[in-house]
């Protein structure tokens, strides 16, 4: 019982320090920052989370938790893998793949990749019927996940993300984290 109290106290200290260090950074900047970039991250991932109307963070207990609640992967008892693919209108393709593996006494480690892509977009520089050329657009989100249970009622996790977007000759990259 003393070990559990000590672990909980350590977790509270880590959570407090993380919130003091990272929360001001998250809210810094202009009010319109983040309102139009990386919109592909809002597309639902997984059949169960989609069926629940994306109200999945509280019940996240499988590998899809990587995309909704990083701490949810701590509930896994064995290796889990998930893959999905959407083929939408106008050649828009969306895919997701994830895997998580629990290591007894250490925590759960996971990886996830999201991709949204469109090929053969016609490029025009004037009002003509013939396209000047073709180009493509693609978005990726690479996720590394770690989570751990602290007793039966508390778990915590973190996702580290590398997000990249490209359209024609323009591209943007960023990093992010989910706690």
Foldseek 3Di string as FASTA:
>chain_A
DVVLVVVVVVVVVVVVVCCVPPVVVVPDDDPCPPVPPPCVLVDDDDDVCVVVVVPCQVPQQAFCCLSPALQNPQNDDAKDKDKDWDQDPQRKIKIKIKIKGADPPFWIKMKMKIKIKHWFDFDDPDPDPDGPGTWMKMKMKIWIKTKHASPDPDIHMKIKIWIKIDTGHDIDIDIDMDD
